[in-house]
Amino acid sequence: PLARYVAMNNANLIFPFKRYAIGKVYRGERPQKGRYREFYQCDIDVVGNEKVDLMYAAEIPTIIYNIFKKFGFSNFTIHLNNRKVLKGFFSSLNISEEESVEMLRIIDKMPKIGKENTIGMLKDYNINEETIEKIISFVEIDGSYKEVIEKIRNLGIENEIISLLAFGVLM
């Protein structure tokens, strides 16, 4: 619906176009265990005409933080996932663009299938032990913003995107 709205109203919108929506949504497919067919969802979107400044990517977690605080939540965690960072990391390991798509799919499953099964899937994809170790170390980085940046710097990754992240440009 958002893409259709932007396409139909492109000439009348000011970009970057920002919007939010809260409402009832329905799954089109049969829901998996633990999921509902009907539920409420909140969307926050920023649509650019060409390229969207990273400032807008930083604005969304800020909005989420403020909403949770206003609802009275005090103990929560916001997880960030930036595909550009992962693609930069894979590039530093000489993993091709095509292979990185498969690696992302495998890594995305890690919280559900566990570390050992993830390692097994990477081995099945003919990734060597040293590269697997680097991938697992990278995706397991955790901590405060400063701790995460320090851990990324300590990995010694040679890649422009990772360098920007390590110096706080992308966060």
N, C-alpha and C. Protein backbone atom coordinates (compact mmCIF):
# COMPACT_ATOMS: atom_id res chain seq x y z
N PRO A 1 0.80 -1.22 0.00
CA PRO A 1 0.00 0.00 0.00
C PRO A 1 0.84 1.28 0.00
N LEU A 2 1.95 1.28 0.72
CA LEU A 2 2.79 2.48 0.76
C LEU A 2 3.40 2.75 -0.62
N ALA A 3 3.95 1.73 -1.24
CA ALA A 3 4.57 1.92 -2.56
C ALA A 3 3.53 2.42 -3.57
N ARG A 4 2.35 1.88 -3.52
CA ARG A 4 1.29 2.32 -4.42
C ARG A 4 0.93 3.78 -4.15
N TYR A 5 0.82 4.16 -2.89
CA TYR A 5 0.50 5.54 -2.52
C TYR A 5 1.57 6.50 -3.04
N VAL A 6 2.83 6.15 -2.83
CA VAL A 6 3.93 7.01 -3.27
C VAL A 6 3.94 7.11 -4.80
N ALA A 7 3.74 6.01 -5.48
CA ALA A 7 3.72 6.03 -6.95
C ALA A 7 2.57 6.89 -7.49
N MET A 8 1.41 6.79 -6.87
CA MET A 8 0.24 7.53 -7.34
C MET A 8 0.32 9.02 -6.99
N ASN A 9 1.04 9.36 -5.93
CA ASN A 9 1.09 10.75 -5.46
C ASN A 9 2.48 11.36 -5.55
N ASN A 10 3.34 10.76 -6.33
CA ASN A 10 4.73 11.17 -6.42
C ASN A 10 4.90 12.67 -6.67
N ALA A 11 4.13 13.23 -7.56
CA ALA A 11 4.27 14.65 -7.92
C ALA A 11 3.85 15.58 -6.78
N ASN A 12 3.02 15.09 -5.86
CA ASN A 12 2.49 15.92 -4.78
C ASN A 12 3.22 15.75 -3.45
N LEU A 13 4.16 14.82 -3.38
CA LEU A 13 4.86 14.54 -2.13
C LEU A 13 6.16 15.32 -2.04
N ILE A 14 6.55 15.66 -0.83
CA ILE A 14 7.84 16.29 -0.57
C ILE A 14 8.76 15.19 -0.02
N PHE A 15 9.89 15.01 -0.65
CA PHE A 15 10.82 13.96 -0.27
C PHE A 15 11.98 14.52 0.53
N PRO A 16 12.50 13.77 1.49
CA PRO A 16 12.04 12.44 1.85
C PRO A 16 10.65 12.51 2.49
N PHE A 17 9.82 11.55 2.10
CA PHE A 17 8.45 11.45 2.59
C PHE A 17 8.45 10.55 3.81
N LYS A 18 7.95 11.06 4.94
CA LYS A 18 7.91 10.29 6.18
C LYS A 18 6.45 10.06 6.56
N ARG A 19 6.19 8.85 7.05
CA ARG A 19 4.83 8.56 7.50
C ARG A 19 4.87 7.45 8.55
N TYR A 20 3.79 7.41 9.33
CA TYR A 20 3.62 6.30 10.27
C TYR A 20 2.19 5.81 10.14
N ALA A 21 1.99 4.56 10.53
CA ALA A 21 0.64 3.98 10.50
C ALA A 21 0.54 2.95 11.61
N ILE A 22 -0.58 2.96 12.29
CA ILE A 22 -0.88 1.95 13.30
C ILE A 22 -2.24 1.40 12.96
N GLY A 23 -2.32 0.09 12.82
CA GLY A 23 -3.61 -0.48 12.48
C GLY A 23 -3.60 -1.99 12.47
N LYS A 24 -4.77 -2.52 12.25
CA LYS A 24 -4.95 -3.97 12.20
C LYS A 24 -4.47 -4.47 10.84
N VAL A 25 -3.71 -5.54 10.86
CA VAL A 25 -3.24 -6.16 9.62
C VAL A 25 -3.54 -7.66 9.67
N TYR A 26 -3.51 -8.27 8.51
CA TYR A 26 -3.83 -9.68 8.38
C TYR A 26 -2.74 -10.38 7.59
N ARG A 27 -2.35 -11.56 8.03
CA ARG A 27 -1.38 -12.35 7.29
C ARG A 27 -2.08 -12.95 6.08
N GLY A 28 -1.39 -12.91 4.95
CA GLY A 28 -1.94 -13.49 3.73
C GLY A 28 -1.78 -14.99 3.69
N GLU A 29 -0.78 -15.49 4.41
CA GLU A 29 -0.53 -16.94 4.41
C GLU A 29 -1.03 -17.54 5.71
N ARG A 30 -1.00 -18.85 5.77
CA ARG A 30 -1.40 -19.54 7.00
C ARG A 30 -0.36 -19.27 8.08
N PRO A 31 -0.76 -18.76 9.24
CA PRO A 31 0.21 -18.40 10.28
C PRO A 31 0.93 -19.61 10.86
N GLN A 32 2.20 -19.41 11.17
CA GLN A 32 3.00 -20.44 11.83
C GLN A 32 2.62 -20.49 13.30
N LYS A 33 3.10 -21.52 13.98
CA LYS A 33 2.84 -21.66 15.41
C LYS A 33 3.30 -20.42 16.16
N GLY A 34 2.46 -19.91 17.04
CA GLY A 34 2.81 -18.75 17.84
C GLY A 34 2.56 -17.42 17.15
N ARG A 35 2.02 -17.45 15.96
CA ARG A 35 1.71 -16.21 15.23
C ARG A 35 0.22 -16.13 15.00
N TYR A 36 -0.27 -14.91 14.90
CA TYR A 36 -1.71 -14.70 14.69
C TYR A 36 -1.98 -14.31 13.25
N ARG A 37 -3.16 -14.65 12.79
CA ARG A 37 -3.58 -14.25 11.44
C ARG A 37 -3.94 -12.77 11.43
N GLU A 38 -4.46 -12.27 12.54
CA GLU A 38 -4.88 -10.88 12.66
C GLU A 38 -4.13 -10.27 13.85
N PHE A 39 -3.54 -9.09 13.65
CA PHE A 39 -2.78 -8.45 14.73
C PHE A 39 -2.64 -6.96 14.42
N TYR A 40 -2.17 -6.21 15.41
CA TYR A 40 -1.91 -4.78 15.21
C TYR A 40 -0.43 -4.58 14.93
N GLN A 41 -0.15 -3.62 14.07
CA GLN A 41 1.23 -3.35 13.68
C GLN A 41 1.43 -1.85 13.57
N CYS A 42 2.62 -1.41 13.94
CA CYS A 42 3.01 -0.01 13.79
C CYS A 42 4.13 0.05 12.77
N ASP A 43 3.96 0.87 11.76
CA ASP A 43 4.98 1.07 10.73
C ASP A 43 5.47 2.50 10.78
N ILE A 44 6.78 2.67 10.62
CA ILE A 44 7.39 3.98 10.47
C ILE A 44 8.23 3.89 9.21
N ASP A 45 7.95 4.75 8.25
CA ASP A 45 8.63 4.67 6.96
C ASP A 45 9.19 6.01 6.54
N VAL A 46 10.32 5.94 5.83
CA VAL A 46 10.91 7.11 5.19
C VAL A 46 11.20 6.69 3.76
N VAL A 47 10.62 7.44 2.82
CA VAL A 47 10.79 7.13 1.40
C VAL A 47 11.55 8.26 0.75
N GLY A 48 12.61 7.92 0.03
CA GLY A 48 13.41 8.93 -0.66
C GLY A 48 13.13 8.93 -2.14
N ASN A 49 13.47 10.02 -2.76
CA ASN A 49 13.31 10.15 -4.20
C ASN A 49 14.47 9.47 -4.92
N GLU A 50 15.65 9.65 -4.41
CA GLU A 50 16.86 9.03 -4.95
C GLU A 50 17.52 8.21 -3.84
N LYS A 51 18.11 8.95 -2.91
CA LYS A 51 18.85 8.33 -1.82
C LYS A 51 18.38 8.96 -0.51
N VAL A 52 18.24 8.15 0.53
CA VAL A 52 17.80 8.66 1.83
C VAL A 52 19.02 8.78 2.74
N ASP A 53 19.19 9.93 3.34
CA ASP A 53 20.30 10.20 4.25
C ASP A 53 20.22 9.25 5.44
N LEU A 54 21.37 8.80 5.93
CA LEU A 54 21.43 7.90 7.08
C LEU A 54 20.83 8.52 8.34
N MET A 55 20.72 9.83 8.36
CA MET A 55 20.12 10.52 9.50
C MET A 55 18.71 9.98 9.76
N TYR A 56 17.98 9.67 8.70
CA TYR A 56 16.62 9.17 8.86
C TYR A 56 16.61 7.76 9.44
N ALA A 57 17.64 6.98 9.12
CA ALA A 57 17.74 5.64 9.70
C ALA A 57 17.98 5.72 11.20
N ALA A 58 18.68 6.75 11.64
CA ALA A 58 18.93 6.94 13.07
C ALA A 58 17.70 7.49 13.78
N GLU A 59 16.85 8.18 13.06
CA GLU A 59 15.66 8.78 13.66
C GLU A 59 14.64 7.72 14.10
N ILE A 60 14.55 6.64 13.37
CA ILE A 60 13.53 5.62 13.67
C ILE A 60 13.76 4.95 15.03
N PRO A 61 14.99 4.49 15.37
CA PRO A 61 15.17 3.93 16.72
C PRO A 61 14.90 4.96 17.82
N THR A 62 15.17 6.22 17.54
CA THR A 62 14.89 7.28 18.51
C THR A 62 13.39 7.38 18.77
N ILE A 63 12.60 7.29 17.72
CA ILE A 63 11.15 7.32 17.84
C ILE A 63 10.67 6.11 18.65
N ILE A 64 11.20 4.93 18.34
CA ILE A 64 10.82 3.72 19.06
C ILE A 64 11.15 3.86 20.54
N TYR A 65 12.35 4.34 20.84
CA TYR A 65 12.78 4.54 22.22
C TYR A 65 11.79 5.46 22.96
N ASN A 66 11.47 6.58 22.35
CA ASN A 66 10.57 7.55 22.99
C ASN A 66 9.17 6.98 23.21
N ILE A 67 8.67 6.20 22.25
CA ILE A 67 7.35 5.58 22.40
C ILE A 67 7.36 4.60 23.58
N PHE A 68 8.38 3.74 23.64
CA PHE A 68 8.44 2.76 24.72
C PHE A 68 8.53 3.46 26.08
N LYS A 69 9.32 4.52 26.16
CA LYS A 69 9.43 5.27 27.41
C LYS A 69 8.09 5.89 27.81
N LYS A 70 7.37 6.45 26.84
CA LYS A 70 6.07 7.06 27.15
C LYS A 70 5.04 6.03 27.59
N PHE A 71 5.19 4.78 27.11
CA PHE A 71 4.30 3.72 27.56
C PHE A 71 4.70 3.18 28.93
N GLY A 72 5.83 3.65 29.45
CA GLY A 72 6.25 3.25 30.79
C GLY A 72 7.21 2.09 30.83
N PHE A 73 7.67 1.61 29.68
CA PHE A 73 8.67 0.54 29.67
C PHE A 73 10.02 1.12 30.03
N SER A 74 10.73 0.45 30.91
CA SER A 74 12.05 0.95 31.29
C SER A 74 13.16 -0.04 30.95
N ASN A 75 12.83 -1.30 30.82
CA ASN A 75 13.83 -2.32 30.55
C ASN A 75 13.54 -2.97 29.20
N PHE A 76 14.12 -2.43 28.14
CA PHE A 76 13.91 -2.99 26.80
C PHE A 76 15.18 -2.80 25.98
N THR A 77 15.28 -3.56 24.91
CA THR A 77 16.43 -3.49 24.02
C THR A 77 15.93 -3.28 22.60
N ILE A 78 16.58 -2.41 21.89
CA ILE A 78 16.29 -2.20 20.48
C ILE A 78 17.45 -2.81 19.69
N HIS A 79 17.14 -3.78 18.83
CA HIS A 79 18.16 -4.42 18.01
C HIS A 79 18.19 -3.76 16.64
N LEU A 80 19.38 -3.48 16.15
CA LEU A 80 19.55 -2.88 14.83
C LEU A 80 20.23 -3.87 13.91
N ASN A 81 19.78 -3.89 12.67
CA ASN A 81 20.37 -4.76 11.67
C ASN A 81 20.50 -3.94 10.39
N ASN A 82 21.71 -3.77 9.93
CA ASN A 82 21.95 -2.99 8.73
C ASN A 82 22.61 -3.89 7.69
N ARG A 83 21.89 -4.20 6.64
CA ARG A 83 22.41 -5.10 5.60
C ARG A 83 23.67 -4.55 4.94
N LYS A 84 23.81 -3.23 4.86
CA LYS A 84 25.01 -2.66 4.27
C LYS A 84 26.25 -3.06 5.06
N VAL A 85 26.13 -3.07 6.38
CA VAL A 85 27.25 -3.46 7.23
C VAL A 85 27.60 -4.93 6.99
N LEU A 86 26.59 -5.78 6.96
CA LEU A 86 26.84 -7.21 6.73
C LEU A 86 27.43 -7.45 5.35
N LYS A 87 26.92 -6.75 4.34
CA LYS A 87 27.47 -6.91 2.99
C LYS A 87 28.92 -6.44 2.93
N GLY A 88 29.24 -5.34 3.63
CA GLY A 88 30.62 -4.88 3.70
C GLY A 88 31.51 -5.90 4.39
N PHE A 89 31.00 -6.50 5.45
CA PHE A 89 31.73 -7.53 6.16
C PHE A 89 31.99 -8.73 5.24
N PHE A 90 30.95 -9.20 4.53
CA PHE A 90 31.12 -10.34 3.62
C PHE A 90 32.11 -10.01 2.51
N SER A 91 32.07 -8.79 2.02
CA SER A 91 33.01 -8.37 0.98
C SER A 91 34.45 -8.46 1.49
N SER A 92 34.66 -8.10 2.77
CA SER A 92 36.01 -8.18 3.35
C SER A 92 36.49 -9.62 3.45
N LEU A 93 35.56 -10.57 3.44
CA LEU A 93 35.91 -12.00 3.50
C LEU A 93 35.95 -12.63 2.11
N ASN A 94 35.87 -11.79 1.09
CA ASN A 94 35.85 -12.25 -0.31
C ASN A 94 34.67 -13.16 -0.62
N ILE A 95 33.54 -12.88 0.02
CA ILE A 95 32.29 -13.59 -0.28
C ILE A 95 31.55 -12.74 -1.29
N SER A 96 31.19 -13.34 -2.41
CA SER A 96 30.56 -12.59 -3.51
C SER A 96 29.18 -12.07 -3.10
N GLU A 97 28.68 -11.13 -3.90
CA GLU A 97 27.36 -10.55 -3.69
C GLU A 97 26.28 -11.65 -3.69
N GLU A 98 26.40 -12.58 -4.63
CA GLU A 98 25.42 -13.68 -4.72
C GLU A 98 25.50 -14.59 -3.49
N GLU A 99 26.72 -14.93 -3.08
CA GLU A 99 26.90 -15.78 -1.91
C GLU A 99 26.44 -15.07 -0.64
N SER A 100 26.62 -13.74 -0.58
CA SER A 100 26.25 -13.00 0.63
C SER A 100 24.75 -13.08 0.88
N VAL A 101 23.96 -13.18 -0.18
CA VAL A 101 22.51 -13.32 -0.02
C VAL A 101 22.20 -14.60 0.74
N GLU A 102 22.86 -15.68 0.37
CA GLU A 102 22.67 -16.96 1.06
C GLU A 102 23.20 -16.90 2.50
N MET A 103 24.34 -16.24 2.70
CA MET A 103 24.91 -16.11 4.03
C MET A 103 23.96 -15.32 4.94
N LEU A 104 23.36 -14.26 4.42
CA LEU A 104 22.40 -13.47 5.20
C LEU A 104 21.20 -14.33 5.60
N ARG A 105 20.73 -15.15 4.68
CA ARG A 105 19.60 -16.02 4.97
C ARG A 105 19.94 -16.99 6.10
N ILE A 106 21.13 -17.55 6.05
CA ILE A 106 21.56 -18.50 7.08
C ILE A 106 21.72 -17.78 8.43
N ILE A 107 22.38 -16.64 8.43
CA ILE A 107 22.62 -15.90 9.67
C ILE A 107 21.30 -15.44 10.30
N ASP A 108 20.35 -15.04 9.48
CA ASP A 108 19.05 -14.61 9.99
C ASP A 108 18.35 -15.71 10.79
N LYS A 109 18.67 -16.96 10.48
CA LYS A 109 18.04 -18.10 11.16
C LYS A 109 18.71 -18.43 12.50
N MET A 110 19.89 -17.88 12.75
CA MET A 110 20.68 -18.28 13.92
C MET A 110 19.91 -18.18 15.24
N PRO A 111 19.16 -17.12 15.51
CA PRO A 111 18.43 -17.08 16.78
C PRO A 111 17.42 -18.23 16.94
N LYS A 112 16.90 -18.72 15.83
CA LYS A 112 15.90 -19.80 15.89
C LYS A 112 16.53 -21.18 15.89
N ILE A 113 17.61 -21.36 15.10
CA ILE A 113 18.18 -22.70 14.95
C ILE A 113 19.42 -22.93 15.80
N GLY A 114 19.99 -21.87 16.37
CA GLY A 114 21.17 -22.01 17.23
C GLY A 114 22.48 -21.90 16.47
N LYS A 115 23.51 -21.68 17.24
CA LYS A 115 24.85 -21.46 16.69
C LYS A 115 25.38 -22.70 15.96
N GLU A 116 25.25 -23.87 16.56
CA GLU A 116 25.81 -25.09 15.97
C GLU A 116 25.15 -25.43 14.63
N ASN A 117 23.83 -25.29 14.56
CA ASN A 117 23.13 -25.55 13.29
C ASN A 117 23.52 -24.51 12.23
N THR A 118 23.73 -23.27 12.67
CA THR A 118 24.16 -22.22 11.74
C THR A 118 25.54 -22.57 11.18
N ILE A 119 26.44 -23.00 12.05
CA ILE A 119 27.78 -23.40 11.61
C ILE A 119 27.67 -24.56 10.62
N GLY A 120 26.80 -25.50 10.92
CA GLY A 120 26.60 -26.64 10.02
C GLY A 120 26.11 -26.21 8.64
N MET A 121 25.17 -25.27 8.63
CA MET A 121 24.65 -24.77 7.34
C MET A 121 25.74 -24.03 6.57
N LEU A 122 26.59 -23.28 7.26
CA LEU A 122 27.68 -22.57 6.59
C LEU A 122 28.68 -23.58 6.02
N LYS A 123 28.95 -24.66 6.76
CA LYS A 123 29.85 -25.71 6.26
C LYS A 123 29.25 -26.37 5.02
N ASP A 124 27.94 -26.61 5.05
CA ASP A 124 27.26 -27.20 3.89
C ASP A 124 27.40 -26.31 2.65
N TYR A 125 27.60 -25.03 2.87
CA TYR A 125 27.73 -24.07 1.78
C TYR A 125 29.21 -23.90 1.38
N ASN A 126 30.06 -24.81 1.88
CA ASN A 126 31.49 -24.83 1.56
C ASN A 126 32.24 -23.58 2.02
N ILE A 127 31.88 -23.07 3.18
CA ILE A 127 32.61 -21.97 3.79
C ILE A 127 33.66 -22.59 4.71
N ASN A 128 34.91 -22.13 4.61
CA ASN A 128 35.97 -22.75 5.41
C ASN A 128 35.85 -22.35 6.89
N GLU A 129 36.53 -23.13 7.73
CA GLU A 129 36.44 -22.98 9.20
C GLU A 129 36.82 -21.57 9.67
N GLU A 130 37.90 -21.04 9.13
CA GLU A 130 38.37 -19.71 9.55
C GLU A 130 37.34 -18.63 9.22
N THR A 131 36.76 -18.71 8.04
CA THR A 131 35.75 -17.73 7.63
C THR A 131 34.49 -17.88 8.48
N ILE A 132 34.11 -19.13 8.76
CA ILE A 132 32.94 -19.37 9.63
C ILE A 132 33.17 -18.76 11.00
N GLU A 133 34.36 -18.94 11.54
CA GLU A 133 34.69 -18.39 12.86
C GLU A 133 34.56 -16.86 12.85
N LYS A 134 35.03 -16.22 11.78
CA LYS A 134 34.93 -14.76 11.66
C LYS A 134 33.46 -14.32 11.55
N ILE A 135 32.68 -15.06 10.78
CA ILE A 135 31.26 -14.72 10.62
C ILE A 135 30.54 -14.82 11.96
N ILE A 136 30.74 -15.91 12.67
CA ILE A 136 30.08 -16.10 13.96
C ILE A 136 30.53 -15.03 14.96
N SER A 137 31.83 -14.75 14.99
CA SER A 137 32.33 -13.70 15.90
C SER A 137 31.68 -12.37 15.59
N PHE A 138 31.54 -12.05 14.31
CA PHE A 138 30.97 -10.77 13.91
C PHE A 138 29.49 -10.67 14.30
N VAL A 139 28.72 -11.72 14.01
CA VAL A 139 27.27 -11.63 14.29
C VAL A 139 26.96 -11.74 15.79
N GLU A 140 27.91 -12.23 16.58
CA GLU A 140 27.70 -12.32 18.02
C GLU A 140 28.14 -11.07 18.77
N ILE A 141 28.64 -10.07 18.06
CA ILE A 141 29.05 -8.84 18.73
C ILE A 141 27.83 -8.25 19.43
N ASP A 142 28.03 -7.88 20.69
CA ASP A 142 26.93 -7.36 21.50
C ASP A 142 27.50 -6.34 22.47
N GLY A 143 26.63 -5.53 23.01
CA GLY A 143 27.06 -4.57 24.02
C GLY A 143 26.52 -3.19 23.73
N SER A 144 27.03 -2.23 24.47
CA SER A 144 26.64 -0.84 24.25
C SER A 144 27.23 -0.37 22.92
N TYR A 145 26.80 0.79 22.49
CA TYR A 145 27.30 1.33 21.23
C TYR A 145 28.82 1.38 21.23
N LYS A 146 29.42 1.92 22.30
CA LYS A 146 30.87 2.04 22.36
C LYS A 146 31.55 0.67 22.37
N GLU A 147 30.96 -0.29 23.08
CA GLU A 147 31.52 -1.64 23.12
C GLU A 147 31.48 -2.30 21.75
N VAL A 148 30.37 -2.14 21.04
CA VAL A 148 30.22 -2.72 19.71
C VAL A 148 31.25 -2.13 18.75
N ILE A 149 31.39 -0.81 18.76
CA ILE A 149 32.37 -0.15 17.89
C ILE A 149 33.77 -0.65 18.19
N GLU A 150 34.11 -0.77 19.46
CA GLU A 150 35.44 -1.24 19.84
C GLU A 150 35.67 -2.68 19.36
N LYS A 151 34.67 -3.53 19.51
CA LYS A 151 34.80 -4.93 19.06
C LYS A 151 34.97 -5.01 17.55
N ILE A 152 34.25 -4.16 16.82
CA ILE A 152 34.39 -4.14 15.36
C ILE A 152 35.78 -3.67 14.96
N ARG A 153 36.28 -2.64 15.62
CA ARG A 153 37.64 -2.16 15.34
C ARG A 153 38.66 -3.26 15.59
N ASN A 154 38.47 -4.02 16.66
CA ASN A 154 39.42 -5.08 17.03
C ASN A 154 39.43 -6.24 16.04
N LEU A 155 38.38 -6.38 15.23
CA LEU A 155 38.36 -7.46 14.23
C LEU A 155 39.32 -7.18 13.08
N GLY A 156 39.70 -5.92 12.89
CA GLY A 156 40.66 -5.58 11.83
C GLY A 156 40.14 -5.82 10.43
N ILE A 157 38.87 -5.54 10.20
CA ILE A 157 38.25 -5.78 8.90
C ILE A 157 38.63 -4.65 7.94
N GLU A 158 39.05 -5.03 6.75
CA GLU A 158 39.43 -4.06 5.72
C GLU A 158 38.27 -3.89 4.74
N ASN A 159 37.44 -2.88 4.98
CA ASN A 159 36.32 -2.59 4.10
C ASN A 159 35.82 -1.19 4.38
N GLU A 160 35.46 -0.43 3.34
CA GLU A 160 35.04 0.96 3.51
C GLU A 160 33.82 1.09 4.42
N ILE A 161 32.81 0.26 4.19
CA ILE A 161 31.57 0.34 4.99
C ILE A 161 31.86 0.03 6.45
N ILE A 162 32.64 -1.01 6.71
CA ILE A 162 32.99 -1.37 8.08
C ILE A 162 33.81 -0.26 8.73
N SER A 163 34.71 0.35 7.97
CA SER A 163 35.51 1.45 8.50
C SER A 163 34.62 2.62 8.90
N LEU A 164 33.62 2.95 8.07
CA LEU A 164 32.69 4.01 8.42
C LEU A 164 31.94 3.68 9.71
N LEU A 165 31.52 2.42 9.85
CA LEU A 165 30.82 2.00 11.05
C LEU A 165 31.74 2.10 12.26
N ALA A 166 32.97 1.62 12.10
CA ALA A 166 33.90 1.60 13.22
C ALA A 166 34.25 3.01 13.71
N PHE A 167 34.09 3.97 12.86
CA PHE A 167 34.36 5.35 13.28
C PHE A 167 33.07 6.10 13.58
N GLY A 168 31.96 5.34 13.71
CA GLY A 168 30.71 5.92 14.16
C GLY A 168 29.93 6.68 13.11
N VAL A 169 30.31 6.59 11.84
CA VAL A 169 29.62 7.35 10.80
C VAL A 169 28.25 6.76 10.49
N LEU A 170 28.11 5.43 10.54
CA LEU A 170 26.85 4.79 10.16
C LEU A 170 25.88 4.60 11.32
N MET A 171 26.26 4.97 12.52
CA MET A 171 25.37 4.72 13.65
C MET A 171 24.77 5.97 14.17
